[in-house]
Amino acid sequence: MEISPSVPRNLTERDVGTLKRALRRNDLSFSGFTGIYPPEMILASKSASVRRNCIRYTKWLIETASNLGGKHLVWGSGRSRNIPRDVSHRKGFQSLIHLLKESAALADERGIKIAIEPQNRFESTIIHNVSEALSLAQLVNHKSVGVVYDTFHTSLEESSFTRPILLAGKRLAAVHVSDCNRKIPGKGHIQFAPIFASLKRVHYDGYVSLEAILERDPRRDLLSARRYLERMI
């Protein structure tokens, strides 16, 4: 499972213990955190104290993900990483680089990947495609910083479903799948066979997480998605 630490509420230390027991009891593994920042947390804030708190929180997530046996943090959270209007783009972007560098040093030690997620223009004002995510990862320049490949965002922002995977190569740290309509794979128009062929070509060996809207019978959708993805893999 890939879990948000802020939905339905901010994760506490007590919650972490409960979560660990629940995962063990249900024979589930924890891939990592997604939706990592609550929407009110602004990473490129004008306030230095707010920015320091964002770094502390990110480091806590890295420690917690490691404690739970996870592999990555999905650095998406479009609203939180957007640069505020009262902050210049240059200064705001530098703040994001600083946060990632400070956090990546700990992620390197803990074996956690920080996966920068390209998000479509309707959800975020920056980092819309894999090329832009890779450029940011290269500026941060830590082995723990990579990128996310998400089929839904790819369908809106890229001209190819396979080229971004080949471009990311070894920097590919997490994969999210859903169809073009956010339903489970097979209920839209995306052709997944070439996507999985490209993942094999770059020797991707991380998690493939289903990030889809489930319909009236979630169990049926989950089983159907699993069968479909196993055929592709």
C-alpha atoms as a PDB file:
ATOM      1  CA  MET A   1       0.000   0.000   0.000  1.00  0.00           C
ATOM      2  CA  GLU A   2       1.051   3.568  -0.758  1.00  0.00           C
ATOM      3  CA  ILE A   3      -0.404   5.749   1.979  1.00  0.00           C
ATOM      4  CA  SER A   4      -0.996   9.473   2.527  1.00  0.00           C
ATOM      5  CA  PRO A   5       0.283  10.633   5.940  1.00  0.00           C
ATOM      6  CA  SER A   6      -2.233  13.505   6.036  1.00  0.00           C
ATOM      7  CA  VAL A   7      -5.494  11.777   5.004  1.00  0.00           C
ATOM      8  CA  PRO A   8      -7.818  11.603   6.881  1.00  0.00           C
ATOM      9  CA  ARG A   9      -5.601  13.420   9.413  1.00  0.00           C
ATOM     10  CA  ASN A  10      -1.954  14.065  10.091  1.00  0.00           C
ATOM     11  CA  LEU A  11      -0.202  10.849  11.069  1.00  0.00           C
ATOM     12  CA  THR A  12       0.939  10.680  14.718  1.00  0.00           C
ATOM     13  CA  GLU A  13       3.594   8.451  16.294  1.00  0.00           C
ATOM     14  CA  ARG A  14       0.799   6.375  17.813  1.00  0.00           C
ATOM     15  CA  ASP A  15      -0.799   5.993  14.380  1.00  0.00           C
ATOM     16  CA  VAL A  16       2.503   4.696  12.994  1.00  0.00           C
ATOM     17  CA  GLY A  17       2.502   1.798  15.476  1.00  0.00           C
ATOM     18  CA  THR A  18      -1.141   1.011  14.702  1.00  0.00           C
ATOM     19  CA  LEU A  19      -0.424   1.134  10.972  1.00  0.00           C
ATOM     20  CA  LYS A  20       2.572  -1.165  11.266  1.00  0.00           C
ATOM     21  CA  ARG A  21       0.512  -3.774  13.151  1.00  0.00           C
ATOM     22  CA  ALA A  22      -2.385  -3.497  10.673  1.00  0.00           C
ATOM     23  CA  LEU A  23      -0.066  -4.021   7.691  1.00  0.00           C
ATOM     24  CA  ARG A  24       1.509  -7.068   9.344  1.00  0.00           C
ATOM     25  CA  ARG A  25      -1.881  -8.503  10.352  1.00  0.00           C
ATOM     26  CA  ASN A  26      -3.234  -8.220   6.805  1.00  0.00           C
ATOM     27  CA  ASP A  27      -0.053  -9.478   5.096  1.00  0.00           C
ATOM     28  CA  LEU A  28       0.460  -6.168   3.277  1.00  0.00           C
ATOM     29  CA  SER A  29       3.693  -4.374   2.442  1.00  0.00           C
ATOM     30  CA  PHE A  30       4.136  -0.615   2.567  1.00  0.00           C
ATOM     31  CA  SER A  31       5.578   0.921  -0.591  1.00  0.00           C
ATOM     32  CA  GLY A  32       5.806   4.485   0.685  1.00  0.00           C
ATOM     33  CA  PHE A  33       4.007   7.767   1.248  1.00  0.00           C
ATOM     34  CA  THR A  34       2.062   9.788  -1.314  1.00  0.00           C
ATOM     35  CA  GLY A  35       0.085  13.005  -0.904  1.00  0.00           C
ATOM     36  CA  ILE A  36       2.792  13.763   1.618  1.00  0.00           C
ATOM     37  CA  TYR A  37       2.007  17.388   2.483  1.00  0.00           C
ATOM     38  CA  PRO A  38      -1.261  18.776   3.843  1.00  0.00           C
ATOM     39  CA  PRO A  39      -2.560  21.484   1.448  1.00  0.00           C
ATOM     40  CA  GLU A  40      -1.905  24.301   3.919  1.00  0.00           C
ATOM     41  CA  MET A  41       1.838  23.491   4.011  1.00  0.00           C
ATOM     42  CA  ILE A  42       3.605  25.792   1.501  1.00  0.00           C
ATOM     43  CA  LEU A  43       7.125  24.597   0.694  1.00  0.00           C
ATOM     44  CA  ALA A  44       8.311  27.813  -0.987  1.00  0.00           C
ATOM     45  CA  SER A  45       6.754  30.115   1.605  1.00  0.00           C
ATOM     46  CA  LYS A  46       8.055  33.641   2.083  1.00  0.00           C
ATOM     47  CA  SER A  47       8.546  32.763   5.761  1.00  0.00           C
ATOM     48  CA  ALA A  48      11.906  31.190   6.653  1.00  0.00           C
ATOM     49  CA  SER A  49      10.397  29.493   9.724  1.00  0.00           C
ATOM     50  CA  VAL A  50       7.661  27.893   7.585  1.00  0.00           C
ATOM     51  CA  ARG A  51      10.292  26.620   5.146  1.00  0.00           C
ATOM     52  CA  ARG A  52      12.351  25.152   8.011  1.00  0.00           C
ATOM     53  CA  ASN A  53       9.244  23.401   9.341  1.00  0.00           C
ATOM     54  CA  CYS A  54       8.614  21.908   5.882  1.00  0.00           C
ATOM     55  CA  ILE A  55      12.143  20.484   5.875  1.00  0.00           C
ATOM     56  CA  ARG A  56      11.702  19.027   9.371  1.00  0.00           C
ATOM     57  CA  TYR A  57       8.391  17.446   8.341  1.00  0.00           C
ATOM     58  CA  THR A  58       9.915  15.961   5.171  1.00  0.00           C
ATOM     59  CA  LYS A  59      12.757  14.439   7.208  1.00  0.00           C
ATOM     60  CA  TRP A  60      10.222  12.991   9.662  1.00  0.00           C
ATOM     61  CA  LEU A  61       8.409  11.361   6.730  1.00  0.00           C
ATOM     62  CA  ILE A  62      11.689   9.832   5.528  1.00  0.00           C
ATOM     63  CA  GLU A  63      12.406   8.409   9.010  1.00  0.00           C
ATOM     64  CA  THR A  64       8.819   7.117   9.301  1.00  0.00           C
ATOM     65  CA  ALA A  65       8.820   5.553   5.829  1.00  0.00           C
ATOM     66  CA  SER A  66      12.057   3.786   6.716  1.00  0.00           C
ATOM     67  CA  ASN A  67      10.586   2.620  10.028  1.00  0.00           C
ATOM     68  CA  LEU A  68       7.619   1.131   8.165  1.00  0.00           C
ATOM     69  CA  GLY A  69       9.865  -0.644   5.653  1.00  0.00           C
ATOM     70  CA  GLY A  70       8.891   1.647   2.773  1.00  0.00           C
ATOM     71  CA  LYS A  71      10.866   2.506  -0.334  1.00  0.00           C
ATOM     72  CA  HIS A  72       9.840   6.012  -1.380  1.00  0.00           C
ATOM     73  CA  LEU A  73       8.138   9.358  -0.852  1.00  0.00           C
ATOM     74  CA  VAL A  74       6.121  10.553  -3.816  1.00  0.00           C
ATOM     75  CA  TRP A  75       6.967  14.252  -4.046  1.00  0.00           C
ATOM     76  CA  GLY A  76       3.753  15.410  -5.670  1.00  0.00           C
ATOM     77  CA  SER A  77       1.378  17.484  -3.501  1.00  0.00           C
ATOM     78  CA  GLY A  78       0.890  20.092  -6.231  1.00  0.00           C
ATOM     79  CA  ARG A  79      -0.777  22.712  -4.068  1.00  0.00           C
ATOM     80  CA  SER A  80       1.995  22.626  -1.461  1.00  0.00           C
ATOM     81  CA  ARG A  81       4.901  22.799  -3.910  1.00  0.00           C
ATOM     82  CA  ASN A  82       3.379  25.588  -6.038  1.00  0.00           C
ATOM     83  CA  ILE A  83       5.304  28.847  -5.772  1.00  0.00           C
ATOM     84  CA  PRO A  84       3.163  31.525  -4.042  1.00  0.00           C
ATOM     85  CA  ARG A  85       2.309  34.689  -5.971  1.00  0.00           C
ATOM     86  CA  ASP A  86       4.229  36.896  -3.533  1.00  0.00           C
ATOM     87  CA  VAL A  87       7.456  34.907  -4.140  1.00  0.00           C
ATOM     88  CA  SER A  88       9.495  35.205  -7.340  1.00  0.00           C
ATOM     89  CA  HIS A  89       9.773  32.042  -9.422  1.00  0.00           C
ATOM     90  CA  ARG A  90      13.580  32.029  -9.094  1.00  0.00           C
ATOM     91  CA  LYS A  91      13.542  32.396  -5.306  1.00  0.00           C
ATOM     92  CA  GLY A  92      10.696  29.913  -4.892  1.00  0.00           C
ATOM     93  CA  PHE A  93      12.428  27.317  -7.045  1.00  0.00           C
ATOM     94  CA  GLN A  94      15.626  27.740  -5.045  1.00  0.00           C
ATOM     95  CA  SER A  95      13.619  27.061  -1.866  1.00  0.00           C
ATOM     96  CA  LEU A  96      12.334  23.812  -3.360  1.00  0.00           C
ATOM     97  CA  ILE A  97      15.861  22.765  -4.347  1.00  0.00           C
ATOM     98  CA  HIS A  98      17.112  23.566  -0.842  1.00  0.00           C
ATOM     99  CA  LEU A  99      14.334  21.474   0.760  1.00  0.00           C
ATOM    100  CA  LEU A 100      15.094  18.538  -1.506  1.00  0.00           C
ATOM    101  CA  LYS A 101      18.859  18.741  -0.900  1.00  0.00           C
ATOM    102  CA  GLU A 102      18.430  18.906   2.881  1.00  0.00           C
ATOM    103  CA  SER A 103      15.976  15.994   2.832  1.00  0.00           C
ATOM    104  CA  ALA A 104      17.896  13.903   0.300  1.00  0.00           C
ATOM    105  CA  ALA A 105      20.964  13.725   2.531  1.00  0.00           C
ATOM    106  CA  LEU A 106      18.887  11.813   5.090  1.00  0.00           C
ATOM    107  CA  ALA A 107      17.088   9.806   2.379  1.00  0.00           C
ATOM    108  CA  ASP A 108      20.480   8.643   1.083  1.00  0.00           C
ATOM    109  CA  GLU A 109      21.285   7.261   4.547  1.00  0.00           C
ATOM    110  CA  ARG A 110      17.897   5.608   5.057  1.00  0.00           C
ATOM    111  CA  GLY A 111      17.588   4.052   1.595  1.00  0.00           C
ATOM    112  CA  ILE A 112      14.417   6.005   0.781  1.00  0.00           C
ATOM    113  CA  LYS A 113      13.791   7.438  -2.686  1.00  0.00           C
ATOM    114  CA  ILE A 114      12.308  10.927  -3.047  1.00  0.00           C
ATOM    115  CA  ALA A 115      10.319  10.555  -6.266  1.00  0.00           C
ATOM    116  CA  ILE A 116       9.468  13.866  -7.964  1.00  0.00           C
ATOM    117  CA  GLU A 117       6.050  13.510  -9.567  1.00  0.00           C
ATOM    118  CA  PRO A 118       5.182  15.420 -12.748  1.00  0.00           C
ATOM    119  CA  GLN A 119       1.582  16.584 -12.380  1.00  0.00           C
ATOM    120  CA  ASN A 120      -0.763  17.912 -15.027  1.00  0.00           C
ATOM    121  CA  ARG A 121      -1.326  21.665 -15.404  1.00  0.00           C
ATOM    122  CA  PHE A 122      -4.748  21.478 -13.714  1.00  0.00           C
ATOM    123  CA  GLU A 123      -3.210  20.180 -10.458  1.00  0.00           C
ATOM    124  CA  SER A 124       0.119  22.019 -10.284  1.00  0.00           C
ATOM    125  CA  THR A 125       1.705  25.158 -11.712  1.00  0.00           C
ATOM    126  CA  ILE A 126       5.196  23.603 -11.991  1.00  0.00           C
ATOM    127  CA  ILE A 127       6.851  20.304 -13.007  1.00  0.00           C
ATOM    128  CA  HIS A 128       4.397  18.963 -15.584  1.00  0.00           C
ATOM    129  CA  ASN A 129       6.462  16.332 -17.376  1.00  0.00           C
ATOM    130  CA  VAL A 130       9.264  13.845 -16.785  1.00  0.00           C
ATOM    131  CA  SER A 131      11.850  16.071 -18.480  1.00  0.00           C
ATOM    132  CA  GLU A 132      11.161  18.883 -15.981  1.00  0.00           C
ATOM    133  CA  ALA A 133      11.204  16.449 -13.045  1.00  0.00           C
ATOM    134  CA  LEU A 134      14.556  15.055 -14.217  1.00  0.00           C
ATOM    135  CA  SER A 135      16.015  18.555 -14.511  1.00  0.00           C
ATOM    136  CA  LEU A 136      15.075  19.239 -10.886  1.00  0.00           C
ATOM    137  CA  ALA A 137      16.453  15.873  -9.745  1.00  0.00           C
ATOM    138  CA  GLN A 138      19.758  16.626 -11.490  1.00  0.00           C
ATOM    139  CA  LEU A 139      19.977  20.042  -9.784  1.00  0.00           C
ATOM    140  CA  VAL A 140      19.475  18.377  -6.386  1.00  0.00           C
ATOM    141  CA  ASN A 141      22.131  15.810  -7.361  1.00  0.00           C
ATOM    142  CA  HIS A 142      21.534  13.083  -4.767  1.00  0.00           C
ATOM    143  CA  LYS A 143      21.248   9.368  -5.527  1.00  0.00           C
ATOM    144  CA  SER A 144      18.007   9.190  -3.510  1.00  0.00           C
ATOM    145  CA  VAL A 145      16.167  11.697  -5.744  1.00  0.00           C
ATOM    146  CA  GLY A 146      14.337  10.302  -8.751  1.00  0.00           C
ATOM    147  CA  VAL A 147      11.080  10.716 -10.644  1.00  0.00           C
ATOM    148  CA  VAL A 148       7.599   9.232 -10.823  1.00  0.00           C
ATOM    149  CA  TYR A 149       5.968   7.916 -13.980  1.00  0.00           C
ATOM    150  CA  ASP A 150       2.176   8.299 -13.734  1.00  0.00           C
ATOM    151  CA  THR A 151       0.053   7.119 -16.662  1.00  0.00           C
ATOM    152  CA  PHE A 152      -2.795   9.574 -15.954  1.00  0.00           C
ATOM    153  CA  HIS A 153      -0.583  12.678 -15.876  1.00  0.00           C
ATOM    154  CA  THR A 154       1.356  11.311 -18.854  1.00  0.00           C
ATOM    155  CA  SER A 155      -1.862  11.070 -20.871  1.00  0.00           C
ATOM    156  CA  LEU A 156      -2.426  14.814 -20.349  1.00  0.00           C
ATOM    157  CA  GLU A 157       1.097  16.236 -20.580  1.00  0.00           C
ATOM    158  CA  GLU A 158       3.330  13.993 -22.717  1.00  0.00           C
ATOM    159  CA  SER A 159       3.346  13.230 -26.440  1.00  0.00           C
ATOM    160  CA  SER A 160       4.387   9.614 -25.821  1.00  0.00           C
ATOM    161  CA  PHE A 161       3.642   7.024 -23.156  1.00  0.00           C
ATOM    162  CA  THR A 162       6.965   5.223 -23.520  1.00  0.00           C
ATOM    163  CA  ARG A 163       9.534   7.957 -24.203  1.00  0.00           C
ATOM    164  CA  PRO A 164       9.329   9.424 -20.653  1.00  0.00           C
ATOM    165  CA  ILE A 165      10.181   6.004 -19.178  1.00  0.00           C
ATOM    166  CA  LEU A 166      13.234   5.656 -21.409  1.00  0.00           C
ATOM    167  CA  LEU A 167      14.239   9.231 -20.595  1.00  0.00           C
ATOM    168  CA  ALA A 168      13.972   8.612 -16.832  1.00  0.00           C
ATOM    169  CA  GLY A 169      15.913   5.349 -16.992  1.00  0.00           C
ATOM    170  CA  LYS A 170      17.668   4.626 -13.687  1.00  0.00           C
ATOM    171  CA  ARG A 171      16.129   7.745 -12.122  1.00  0.00           C
ATOM    172  CA  LEU A 172      12.687   6.107 -12.243  1.00  0.00           C
ATOM    173  CA  ALA A 173      11.722   5.654  -8.579  1.00  0.00           C
ATOM    174  CA  ALA A 174       7.944   4.983  -8.576  1.00  0.00           C
ATOM    175  CA  VAL A 175       5.170   4.134 -11.026  1.00  0.00           C
ATOM    176  CA  HIS A 176       1.456   4.986 -10.733  1.00  0.00           C
ATOM    177  CA  VAL A 177      -1.090   3.406 -13.034  1.00  0.00           C
ATOM    178  CA  SER A 178      -4.669   4.220 -13.939  1.00  0.00           C
ATOM    179  CA  ASP A 179      -6.405   4.615 -17.255  1.00  0.00           C
ATOM    180  CA  CYS A 180      -6.917   7.948 -19.046  1.00  0.00           C
ATOM    181  CA  ASN A 181     -10.228   8.441 -17.171  1.00  0.00           C
ATOM    182  CA  ARG A 182      -8.650   7.655 -13.765  1.00  0.00           C
ATOM    183  CA  LYS A 183     -10.428   4.300 -13.710  1.00  0.00           C
ATOM    184  CA  ILE A 184      -8.567   0.998 -13.398  1.00  0.00           C
ATOM    185  CA  PRO A 185      -6.362  -0.068 -16.334  1.00  0.00           C
ATOM    186  CA  GLY A 186      -8.439  -1.573 -19.123  1.00  0.00           C
ATOM    187  CA  LYS A 187     -11.415   0.759 -18.655  1.00  0.00           C
ATOM    188  CA  GLY A 188     -10.063   3.509 -20.903  1.00  0.00           C
ATOM    189  CA  HIS A 189      -7.903   3.994 -23.995  1.00  0.00           C
ATOM    190  CA  ILE A 190      -4.333   3.614 -22.692  1.00  0.00           C
ATOM    191  CA  GLN A 191      -2.373   0.721 -24.195  1.00  0.00           C
ATOM    192  CA  PHE A 192      -0.395  -0.693 -21.263  1.00  0.00           C
ATOM    193  CA  ALA A 193       1.631  -3.400 -23.042  1.00  0.00           C
ATOM    194  CA  PRO A 194       4.162  -0.930 -24.558  1.00  0.00           C
ATOM    195  CA  ILE A 195       4.412   0.847 -21.181  1.00  0.00           C
ATOM    196  CA  PHE A 196       5.385  -2.349 -19.359  1.00  0.00           C
ATOM    197  CA  ALA A 197       7.741  -3.317 -22.175  1.00  0.00           C
ATOM    198  CA  SER A 198       9.519   0.022 -21.635  1.00  0.00           C
ATOM    199  CA  LEU A 199       9.654  -0.517 -17.862  1.00  0.00           C
ATOM    200  CA  LYS A 200      11.350  -3.858 -18.510  1.00  0.00           C
ATOM    201  CA  ARG A 201      13.708  -2.226 -20.971  1.00  0.00           C
ATOM    202  CA  VAL A 202      15.035   0.194 -18.313  1.00  0.00           C
ATOM    203  CA  HIS A 203      15.133  -2.667 -15.746  1.00  0.00           C
ATOM    204  CA  TYR A 204      12.647  -0.969 -13.415  1.00  0.00           C
ATOM    205  CA  ASP A 205      12.258  -3.136 -10.303  1.00  0.00           C
ATOM    206  CA  GLY A 206      10.256  -0.879  -7.966  1.00  0.00           C
ATOM    207  CA  TYR A 207       6.586  -0.802  -7.087  1.00  0.00           C
ATOM    208  CA  VAL A 208       3.751  -0.323  -9.575  1.00  0.00           C
ATOM    209  CA  SER A 209       0.952   1.310  -7.585  1.00  0.00           C
ATOM    210  CA  LEU A 210      -2.664   1.355  -8.676  1.00  0.00           C
ATOM    211  CA  GLU A 211      -3.872   4.948  -8.217  1.00  0.00           C
ATOM    212  CA  ALA A 212      -7.390   4.791  -9.598  1.00  0.00           C
ATOM    213  CA  ILE A 213     -10.959   5.730  -8.773  1.00  0.00           C
ATOM    214  CA  LEU A 214     -12.750   2.535  -7.756  1.00  0.00           C
ATOM    215  CA  GLU A 215     -16.407   2.105  -8.686  1.00  0.00           C
ATOM    216  CA  ARG A 216     -19.364   0.548  -6.842  1.00  0.00           C
ATOM    217  CA  ASP A 217     -17.677  -2.759  -6.085  1.00  0.00           C
ATOM    218  CA  PRO A 218     -14.101  -1.938  -4.957  1.00  0.00           C
ATOM    219  CA  ARG A 219     -13.176  -5.588  -4.398  1.00  0.00           C
ATOM    220  CA  ARG A 220     -14.189  -6.489  -7.948  1.00  0.00           C
ATOM    221  CA  ASP A 221     -12.235  -3.539  -9.357  1.00  0.00           C
ATOM    222  CA  LEU A 222      -9.113  -4.398  -7.330  1.00  0.00           C
ATOM    223  CA  LEU A 223      -9.175  -8.046  -8.395  1.00  0.00           C
ATOM    224  CA  SER A 224      -9.776  -7.060 -12.022  1.00  0.00           C
ATOM    225  CA  ALA A 225      -6.909  -4.532 -11.922  1.00  0.00           C
ATOM    226  CA  ARG A 226      -4.573  -7.078 -10.355  1.00  0.00           C
ATOM    227  CA  ARG A 227      -5.333  -9.682 -13.033  1.00  0.00           C
ATOM    228  CA  TYR A 228      -4.888  -7.101 -15.790  1.00  0.00           C
ATOM    229  CA  LEU A 229      -1.562  -5.807 -14.427  1.00  0.00           C
ATOM    230  CA  GLU A 230      -0.202  -9.302 -13.804  1.00  0.00           C
ATOM    231  CA  ARG A 231      -0.831 -10.120 -17.475  1.00  0.00           C
ATOM    232  CA  MET A 232       1.056  -6.975 -18.482  1.00  0.00           C
ATOM    233  CA  ILE A 233       3.964  -7.685 -16.122  1.00  0.00           C
END
